[in-house]
Amino acid sequence: MRVRLRRRPVTYRWARRIAVGLVGGTVLAIGIALIVLPGPAFVVIPLGLAILGVEFAWARLWLRKVRQRSGELVGYFRKGSK
């Protein structure tokens, strides 16, 4: 007996991709604005990239680079404070 898997329609995939793009793009834009405005830009930008990374490979790559650079920056300050 063969079990049929129900495939989601293409419109669902596009709707999800658009929704993730809008939400993630908005959070990322707010984070970029917070660089010059008072606020936690260095928390909001990775959050926006993480949301975008759910659907887009380029955002996962950027998030990986941000994590690496922030780790290097934290290590630099930890060494300097000792």
PDB file of N, CA and C in Angstrom:
ATOM      1  N   MET A   1       0.829  -1.165   0.000  1.00  0.00           N
ATOM      2  CA  MET A   1       0.000   0.000   0.000  1.00  0.00           C
ATOM      3  C   MET A   1       0.886   1.245   0.000  1.00  0.00           C
ATOM      4  N   ARG A   2       0.613   2.119  -0.873  1.00  0.00           N
ATOM      5  CA  ARG A   2       1.425   3.312  -1.032  1.00  0.00           C
ATOM      6  C   ARG A   2       0.770   4.497  -0.322  1.00  0.00           C
ATOM      7  N   VAL A   3       1.580   5.193   0.465  1.00  0.00           N
ATOM      8  CA  VAL A   3       1.075   6.346   1.197  1.00  0.00           C
ATOM      9  C   VAL A   3       1.364   7.595   0.367  1.00  0.00           C
ATOM     10  N   ARG A   4       0.344   8.377   0.159  1.00  0.00           N
ATOM     11  CA  ARG A   4       0.523   9.611  -0.608  1.00  0.00           C
ATOM     12  C   ARG A   4       0.826  10.767   0.343  1.00  0.00           C
ATOM     13  N   LEU A   5       1.878  11.459   0.043  1.00  0.00           N
ATOM     14  CA  LEU A   5       2.211  12.650   0.809  1.00  0.00           C
ATOM     15  C   LEU A   5       1.556  13.842   0.136  1.00  0.00           C
ATOM     16  N   ARG A   6       0.930  14.626   0.922  1.00  0.00           N
ATOM     17  CA  ARG A   6       0.257  15.792   0.380  1.00  0.00           C
ATOM     18  C   ARG A   6       1.270  16.915   0.220  1.00  0.00           C
ATOM     19  N   ARG A   7       1.427  17.379  -0.981  1.00  0.00           N
ATOM     20  CA  ARG A   7       2.376  18.450  -1.266  1.00  0.00           C
ATOM     21  C   ARG A   7       1.699  19.790  -1.094  1.00  0.00           C
ATOM     22  N   ARG A   8       2.435  20.706  -0.549  1.00  0.00           N
ATOM     23  CA  ARG A   8       1.917  22.059  -0.392  1.00  0.00           C
ATOM     24  C   ARG A   8       1.930  22.741  -1.754  1.00  0.00           C
ATOM     25  N   PRO A   9       0.937  23.526  -2.003  1.00  0.00           N
ATOM     26  CA  PRO A   9       0.913  24.224  -3.297  1.00  0.00           C
ATOM     27  C   PRO A   9       2.024  25.265  -3.383  1.00  0.00           C
ATOM     28  N   VAL A  10       2.369  25.597  -4.599  1.00  0.00           N
ATOM     29  CA  VAL A  10       3.439  26.556  -4.839  1.00  0.00           C
ATOM     30  C   VAL A  10       3.091  27.912  -4.228  1.00  0.00           C
ATOM     31  N   THR A  11       1.833  28.252  -4.208  1.00  0.00           N
ATOM     32  CA  THR A  11       1.440  29.555  -3.663  1.00  0.00           C
ATOM     33  C   THR A  11       1.781  29.667  -2.183  1.00  0.00           C
ATOM     34  N   TYR A  12       1.700  28.561  -1.437  1.00  0.00           N
ATOM     35  CA  TYR A  12       2.071  28.585  -0.020  1.00  0.00           C
ATOM     36  C   TYR A  12       3.552  28.909   0.131  1.00  0.00           C
ATOM     37  N   ARG A  13       4.388  28.275  -0.684  1.00  0.00           N
ATOM     38  CA  ARG A  13       5.832  28.503  -0.603  1.00  0.00           C
ATOM     39  C   ARG A  13       6.168  29.961  -0.918  1.00  0.00           C
ATOM     40  N   TRP A  14       5.530  30.499  -1.941  1.00  0.00           N
ATOM     41  CA  TRP A  14       5.783  31.893  -2.296  1.00  0.00           C
ATOM     42  C   TRP A  14       5.278  32.837  -1.223  1.00  0.00           C
ATOM     43  N   ALA A  15       4.118  32.545  -0.672  1.00  0.00           N
ATOM     44  CA  ALA A  15       3.567  33.393   0.385  1.00  0.00           C
ATOM     45  C   ALA A  15       4.475  33.382   1.607  1.00  0.00           C
ATOM     46  N   ARG A  16       4.985  32.207   1.949  1.00  0.00           N
ATOM     47  CA  ARG A  16       5.894  32.100   3.096  1.00  0.00           C
ATOM     48  C   ARG A  16       7.183  32.860   2.831  1.00  0.00           C
ATOM     49  N   ARG A  17       7.707  32.709   1.629  1.00  0.00           N
ATOM     50  CA  ARG A  17       8.950  33.386   1.267  1.00  0.00           C
ATOM     51  C   ARG A  17       8.774  34.904   1.310  1.00  0.00           C
ATOM     52  N   ILE A  18       7.651  35.385   0.817  1.00  0.00           N
ATOM     53  CA  ILE A  18       7.377  36.826   0.838  1.00  0.00           C
ATOM     54  C   ILE A  18       7.207  37.321   2.271  1.00  0.00           C
ATOM     55  N   ALA A  19       6.483  36.556   3.093  1.00  0.00           N
ATOM     56  CA  ALA A  19       6.260  36.955   4.489  1.00  0.00           C
ATOM     57  C   ALA A  19       7.580  37.001   5.255  1.00  0.00           C
ATOM     58  N   VAL A  20       8.404  35.988   5.082  1.00  0.00           N
ATOM     59  CA  VAL A  20       9.708  35.962   5.763  1.00  0.00           C
ATOM     60  C   VAL A  20      10.572  37.117   5.270  1.00  0.00           C
ATOM     61  N   GLY A  21      10.530  37.394   3.972  1.00  0.00           N
ATOM     62  CA  GLY A  21      11.301  38.500   3.416  1.00  0.00           C
ATOM     63  C   GLY A  21      10.863  39.846   3.959  1.00  0.00           C
ATOM     64  N   LEU A  22       9.555  40.040   4.067  1.00  0.00           N
ATOM     65  CA  LEU A  22       9.047  41.311   4.584  1.00  0.00           C
ATOM     66  C   LEU A  22       9.379  41.503   6.062  1.00  0.00           C
ATOM     67  N   VAL A  23       9.124  40.485   6.858  1.00  0.00           N
ATOM     68  CA  VAL A  23       9.388  40.600   8.298  1.00  0.00           C
ATOM     69  C   VAL A  23      10.889  40.727   8.563  1.00  0.00           C
ATOM     70  N   GLY A  24      11.668  39.845   7.966  1.00  0.00           N
ATOM     71  CA  GLY A  24      13.118  39.890   8.171  1.00  0.00           C
ATOM     72  C   GLY A  24      13.743  41.157   7.627  1.00  0.00           C
ATOM     73  N   GLY A  25      13.281  41.601   6.462  1.00  0.00           N
ATOM     74  CA  GLY A  25      13.799  42.833   5.878  1.00  0.00           C
ATOM     75  C   GLY A  25      13.465  44.051   6.724  1.00  0.00           C
ATOM     76  N   THR A  26      12.263  44.053   7.284  1.00  0.00           N
ATOM     77  CA  THR A  26      11.872  45.162   8.153  1.00  0.00           C
ATOM     78  C   THR A  26      12.721  45.196   9.417  1.00  0.00           C
ATOM     79  N   VAL A  27      12.914  44.037  10.034  1.00  0.00           N
ATOM     80  CA  VAL A  27      13.738  43.978  11.255  1.00  0.00           C
ATOM     81  C   VAL A  27      15.179  44.377  10.936  1.00  0.00           C
ATOM     82  N   LEU A  28      15.692  43.918   9.798  1.00  0.00           N
ATOM     83  CA  LEU A  28      17.055  44.273   9.401  1.00  0.00           C
ATOM     84  C   LEU A  28      17.173  45.774   9.134  1.00  0.00           C
ATOM     85  N   ALA A  29      16.186  46.359   8.460  1.00  0.00           N
ATOM     86  CA  ALA A  29      16.209  47.797   8.190  1.00  0.00           C
ATOM     87  C   ALA A  29      16.154  48.605   9.486  1.00  0.00           C
ATOM     88  N   ILE A  30      15.345  48.161  10.431  1.00  0.00           N
ATOM     89  CA  ILE A  30      15.289  48.834  11.731  1.00  0.00           C
ATOM     90  C   ILE A  30      16.641  48.736  12.425  1.00  0.00           C
ATOM     91  N   GLY A  31      17.268  47.568  12.343  1.00  0.00           N
ATOM     92  CA  GLY A  31      18.588  47.396  12.945  1.00  0.00           C
ATOM     93  C   GLY A  31      19.633  48.306  12.325  1.00  0.00           C
ATOM     94  N   ILE A  32      19.577  48.464  11.003  1.00  0.00           N
ATOM     95  CA  ILE A  32      20.521  49.356  10.331  1.00  0.00           C
ATOM     96  C   ILE A  32      20.259  50.799  10.748  1.00  0.00           C
ATOM     97  N   ALA A  33      18.988  51.167  10.880  1.00  0.00           N
ATOM     98  CA  ALA A  33      18.653  52.520  11.336  1.00  0.00           C
ATOM     99  C   ALA A  33      19.137  52.747  12.765  1.00  0.00           C
ATOM    100  N   LEU A  34      19.132  51.700  13.570  1.00  0.00           N
ATOM    101  CA  LEU A  34      19.560  51.834  14.963  1.00  0.00           C
ATOM    102  C   LEU A  34      21.071  52.020  15.110  1.00  0.00           C
ATOM    103  N   ILE A  35      21.805  51.865  14.016  1.00  0.00           N
ATOM    104  CA  ILE A  35      23.244  52.147  14.079  1.00  0.00           C
ATOM    105  C   ILE A  35      23.461  53.630  14.381  1.00  0.00           C
ATOM    106  N   VAL A  36      22.656  54.482  13.745  1.00  0.00           N
ATOM    107  CA  VAL A  36      22.818  55.922  13.976  1.00  0.00           C
ATOM    108  C   VAL A  36      21.836  56.448  15.016  1.00  0.00           C
ATOM    109  N   LEU A  37      20.765  55.725  15.261  1.00  0.00           N
ATOM    110  CA  LEU A  37      19.795  56.115  16.283  1.00  0.00           C
ATOM    111  C   LEU A  37      20.128  55.390  17.586  1.00  0.00           C
ATOM    112  N   PRO A  38      19.659  55.894  18.703  1.00  0.00           N
ATOM    113  CA  PRO A  38      19.927  55.185  19.959  1.00  0.00           C
ATOM    114  C   PRO A  38      19.121  53.887  20.024  1.00  0.00           C
ATOM    115  N   GLY A  39      19.831  52.807  20.215  1.00  0.00           N
ATOM    116  CA  GLY A  39      19.150  51.527  20.311  1.00  0.00           C
ATOM    117  C   GLY A  39      20.118  50.371  20.132  1.00  0.00           C
ATOM    118  N   PRO A  40      19.645  49.160  20.337  1.00  0.00           N
ATOM    119  CA  PRO A  40      20.511  47.969  20.289  1.00  0.00           C
ATOM    120  C   PRO A  40      20.697  47.420  18.873  1.00  0.00           C
ATOM    121  N   ALA A  41      21.382  48.168  18.025  1.00  0.00           N
ATOM    122  CA  ALA A  41      21.563  47.753  16.628  1.00  0.00           C
ATOM    123  C   ALA A  41      22.283  46.415  16.524  1.00  0.00           C
ATOM    124  N   PHE A  42      23.231  46.165  17.410  1.00  0.00           N
ATOM    125  CA  PHE A  42      24.032  44.952  17.314  1.00  0.00           C
ATOM    126  C   PHE A  42      23.279  43.720  17.788  1.00  0.00           C
ATOM    127  N   VAL A  43      22.077  43.900  18.280  1.00  0.00           N
ATOM    128  CA  VAL A  43      21.197  42.781  18.611  1.00  0.00           C
ATOM    129  C   VAL A  43      20.145  42.607  17.518  1.00  0.00           C
ATOM    130  N   VAL A  44      19.649  43.726  16.996  1.00  0.00           N
ATOM    131  CA  VAL A  44      18.549  43.687  16.038  1.00  0.00           C
ATOM    132  C   VAL A  44      19.015  43.220  14.656  1.00  0.00           C
ATOM    133  N   ILE A  45      20.204  43.615  14.236  1.00  0.00           N
ATOM    134  CA  ILE A  45      20.700  43.214  12.915  1.00  0.00           C
ATOM    135  C   ILE A  45      20.855  41.698  12.808  1.00  0.00           C
ATOM    136  N   PRO A  46      21.525  41.012  13.753  1.00  0.00           N
ATOM    137  CA  PRO A  46      21.576  39.551  13.651  1.00  0.00           C
ATOM    138  C   PRO A  46      20.200  38.890  13.740  1.00  0.00           C
ATOM    139  N   LEU A  47      19.283  39.496  14.478  1.00  0.00           N
ATOM    140  CA  LEU A  47      17.930  38.958  14.550  1.00  0.00           C
ATOM    141  C   LEU A  47      17.255  39.017  13.181  1.00  0.00           C
ATOM    142  N   GLY A  48      17.394  40.146  12.492  1.00  0.00           N
ATOM    143  CA  GLY A  48      16.839  40.268  11.141  1.00  0.00           C
ATOM    144  C   GLY A  48      17.475  39.287  10.179  1.00  0.00           C
ATOM    145  N   LEU A  49      18.785  39.097  10.280  1.00  0.00           N
ATOM    146  CA  LEU A  49      19.459  38.126   9.414  1.00  0.00           C
ATOM    147  C   LEU A  49      19.022  36.698   9.730  1.00  0.00           C
ATOM    148  N   ALA A  50      18.777  36.411  10.999  1.00  0.00           N
ATOM    149  CA  ALA A  50      18.312  35.069  11.369  1.00  0.00           C
ATOM    150  C   ALA A  50      16.922  34.806  10.806  1.00  0.00           C
ATOM    151  N   ILE A  51      16.063  35.806  10.849  1.00  0.00           N
ATOM    152  CA  ILE A  51      14.721  35.638  10.273  1.00  0.00           C
ATOM    153  C   ILE A  51      14.827  35.421   8.770  1.00  0.00           C
ATOM    154  N   LEU A  52      15.642  36.239   8.099  1.00  0.00           N
ATOM    155  CA  LEU A  52      15.821  36.076   6.664  1.00  0.00           C
ATOM    156  C   LEU A  52      16.506  34.753   6.324  1.00  0.00           C
ATOM    157  N   GLY A  53      17.358  34.277   7.218  1.00  0.00           N
ATOM    158  CA  GLY A  53      18.073  33.025   6.991  1.00  0.00           C
ATOM    159  C   GLY A  53      17.181  31.805   6.952  1.00  0.00           C
ATOM    160  N   VAL A  54      15.962  31.937   7.429  1.00  0.00           N
ATOM    161  CA  VAL A  54      15.011  30.828   7.354  1.00  0.00           C
ATOM    162  C   VAL A  54      14.730  30.479   5.897  1.00  0.00           C
ATOM    163  N   GLU A  55      14.708  31.477   5.019  1.00  0.00           N
ATOM    164  CA  GLU A  55      14.360  31.263   3.616  1.00  0.00           C
ATOM    165  C   GLU A  55      15.486  31.524   2.632  1.00  0.00           C
ATOM    166  N   PHE A  56      16.448  32.362   2.992  1.00  0.00           N
ATOM    167  CA  PHE A  56      17.434  32.815   2.017  1.00  0.00           C
ATOM    168  C   PHE A  56      18.847  32.405   2.430  1.00  0.00           C
ATOM    169  N   ALA A  57      19.565  31.773   1.504  1.00  0.00           N
ATOM    170  CA  ALA A  57      20.921  31.295   1.786  1.00  0.00           C
ATOM    171  C   ALA A  57      21.891  32.453   1.991  1.00  0.00           C
ATOM    172  N   TRP A  58      21.729  33.550   1.259  1.00  0.00           N
ATOM    173  CA  TRP A  58      22.642  34.683   1.404  1.00  0.00           C
ATOM    174  C   TRP A  58      22.566  35.259   2.814  1.00  0.00           C
ATOM    175  N   ALA A  59      21.390  35.240   3.425  1.00  0.00           N
ATOM    176  CA  ALA A  59      21.259  35.768   4.784  1.00  0.00           C
ATOM    177  C   ALA A  59      21.957  34.855   5.794  1.00  0.00           C
ATOM    178  N   ARG A  60      21.898  33.544   5.559  1.00  0.00           N
ATOM    179  CA  ARG A  60      22.616  32.609   6.448  1.00  0.00           C
ATOM    180  C   ARG A  60      24.116  32.851   6.365  1.00  0.00           C
ATOM    181  N   LEU A  61      24.616  33.127   5.160  1.00  0.00           N
ATOM    182  CA  LEU A  61      26.037  33.408   4.978  1.00  0.00           C
ATOM    183  C   LEU A  61      26.430  34.700   5.707  1.00  0.00           C
ATOM    184  N   TRP A  62      25.635  35.743   5.563  1.00  0.00           N
ATOM    185  CA  TRP A  62      25.914  37.006   6.246  1.00  0.00           C
ATOM    186  C   TRP A  62      25.850  36.831   7.756  1.00  0.00           C
ATOM    187  N   LEU A  63      24.882  36.065   8.226  1.00  0.00           N
ATOM    188  CA  LEU A  63      24.755  35.828   9.668  1.00  0.00           C
ATOM    189  C   LEU A  63      25.978  35.087  10.199  1.00  0.00           C
ATOM    190  N   ARG A  64      26.461  34.128   9.436  1.00  0.00           N
ATOM    191  CA  ARG A  64      27.671  33.400   9.833  1.00  0.00           C
ATOM    192  C   ARG A  64      28.857  34.357   9.936  1.00  0.00           C
ATOM    193  N   LYS A  65      28.968  35.277   8.978  1.00  0.00           N
ATOM    194  CA  LYS A  65      30.067  36.256   9.011  1.00  0.00           C
ATOM    195  C   LYS A  65      29.923  37.206  10.199  1.00  0.00           C
ATOM    196  N   VAL A  66      28.705  37.642  10.481  1.00  0.00           N
ATOM    197  CA  VAL A  66      28.475  38.538  11.624  1.00  0.00           C
ATOM    198  C   VAL A  66      28.835  37.838  12.925  1.00  0.00           C
ATOM    199  N   ARG A  67      28.444  36.576  13.055  1.00  0.00           N
ATOM    200  CA  ARG A  67      28.788  35.823  14.271  1.00  0.00           C
ATOM    201  C   ARG A  67      30.293  35.687  14.427  1.00  0.00           C
ATOM    202  N   GLN A  68      30.979  35.406  13.320  1.00  0.00           N
ATOM    203  CA  GLN A  68      32.430  35.241  13.376  1.00  0.00           C
ATOM    204  C   GLN A  68      33.098  36.556  13.769  1.00  0.00           C
ATOM    205  N   ARG A  69      32.694  37.644  13.139  1.00  0.00           N
ATOM    206  CA  ARG A  69      33.304  38.936  13.430  1.00  0.00           C
ATOM    207  C   ARG A  69      33.001  39.383  14.857  1.00  0.00           C
ATOM    208  N   SER A  70      31.791  39.134  15.319  1.00  0.00           N
ATOM    209  CA  SER A  70      31.464  39.547  16.692  1.00  0.00           C
ATOM    210  C   SER A  70      32.256  38.717  17.698  1.00  0.00           C
ATOM    211  N   GLY A  71      32.476  37.442  17.400  1.00  0.00           N
ATOM    212  CA  GLY A  71      33.310  36.614  18.277  1.00  0.00           C
ATOM    213  C   GLY A  71      34.739  37.112  18.328  1.00  0.00           C
ATOM    214  N   GLU A  72      35.248  37.534  17.170  1.00  0.00           N
ATOM    215  CA  GLU A  72      36.596  38.097  17.130  1.00  0.00           C
ATOM    216  C   GLU A  72      36.669  39.397  17.926  1.00  0.00           C
ATOM    217  N   LEU A  73      35.635  40.225  17.813  1.00  0.00           N
ATOM    218  CA  LEU A  73      35.600  41.494  18.527  1.00  0.00           C
ATOM    219  C   LEU A  73      35.527  41.281  20.037  1.00  0.00           C
ATOM    220  N   VAL A  74      34.736  40.338  20.465  1.00  0.00           N
ATOM    221  CA  VAL A  74      34.631  40.020  21.897  1.00  0.00           C
ATOM    222  C   VAL A  74      35.959  39.495  22.409  1.00  0.00           C
ATOM    223  N   GLY A  75      36.609  38.642  21.624  1.00  0.00           N
ATOM    224  CA  GLY A  75      37.916  38.123  22.012  1.00  0.00           C
ATOM    225  C   GLY A  75      38.960  39.215  22.117  1.00  0.00           C
ATOM    226  N   TYR A  76      38.896  40.175  21.219  1.00  0.00           N
ATOM    227  CA  TYR A  76      39.838  41.300  21.251  1.00  0.00           C
ATOM    228  C   TYR A  76      39.667  42.117  22.527  1.00  0.00           C
ATOM    229  N   PHE A  77      38.415  42.406  22.882  1.00  0.00           N
ATOM    230  CA  PHE A  77      38.173  43.190  24.100  1.00  0.00           C
ATOM    231  C   PHE A  77      38.494  42.413  25.363  1.00  0.00           C
ATOM    232  N   ARG A  78      38.274  41.123  25.343  1.00  0.00           N
ATOM    233  CA  ARG A  78      38.629  40.318  26.519  1.00  0.00           C
ATOM    234  C   ARG A  78      40.124  40.279  26.732  1.00  0.00           C
ATOM    235  N   LYS A  79      40.902  40.164  25.656  1.00  0.00           N
ATOM    236  CA  LYS A  79      42.346  40.171  25.770  1.00  0.00           C
ATOM    237  C   LYS A  79      42.858  41.521  26.248  1.00  0.00           C
ATOM    238  N   GLY A  80      42.263  42.575  25.750  1.00  0.00           N
ATOM    239  CA  GLY A  80      42.698  43.935  26.101  1.00  0.00           C
ATOM    240  C   GLY A  80      42.386  44.311  27.535  1.00  0.00           C
ATOM    241  N   SER A  81      41.374  43.695  28.113  1.00  0.00           N
ATOM    242  CA  SER A  81      40.988  44.064  29.482  1.00  0.00           C
ATOM    243  C   SER A  81      41.819  43.358  30.534  1.00  0.00           C
ATOM    244  N   LYS A  82      42.592  42.343  30.148  1.00  0.00           N
ATOM    245  CA  LYS A  82      43.405  41.609  31.127  1.00  0.00           C
ATOM    246  C   LYS A  82      44.754  42.205  31.309  1.00  0.00           C
TER     247      LYS A  82
END
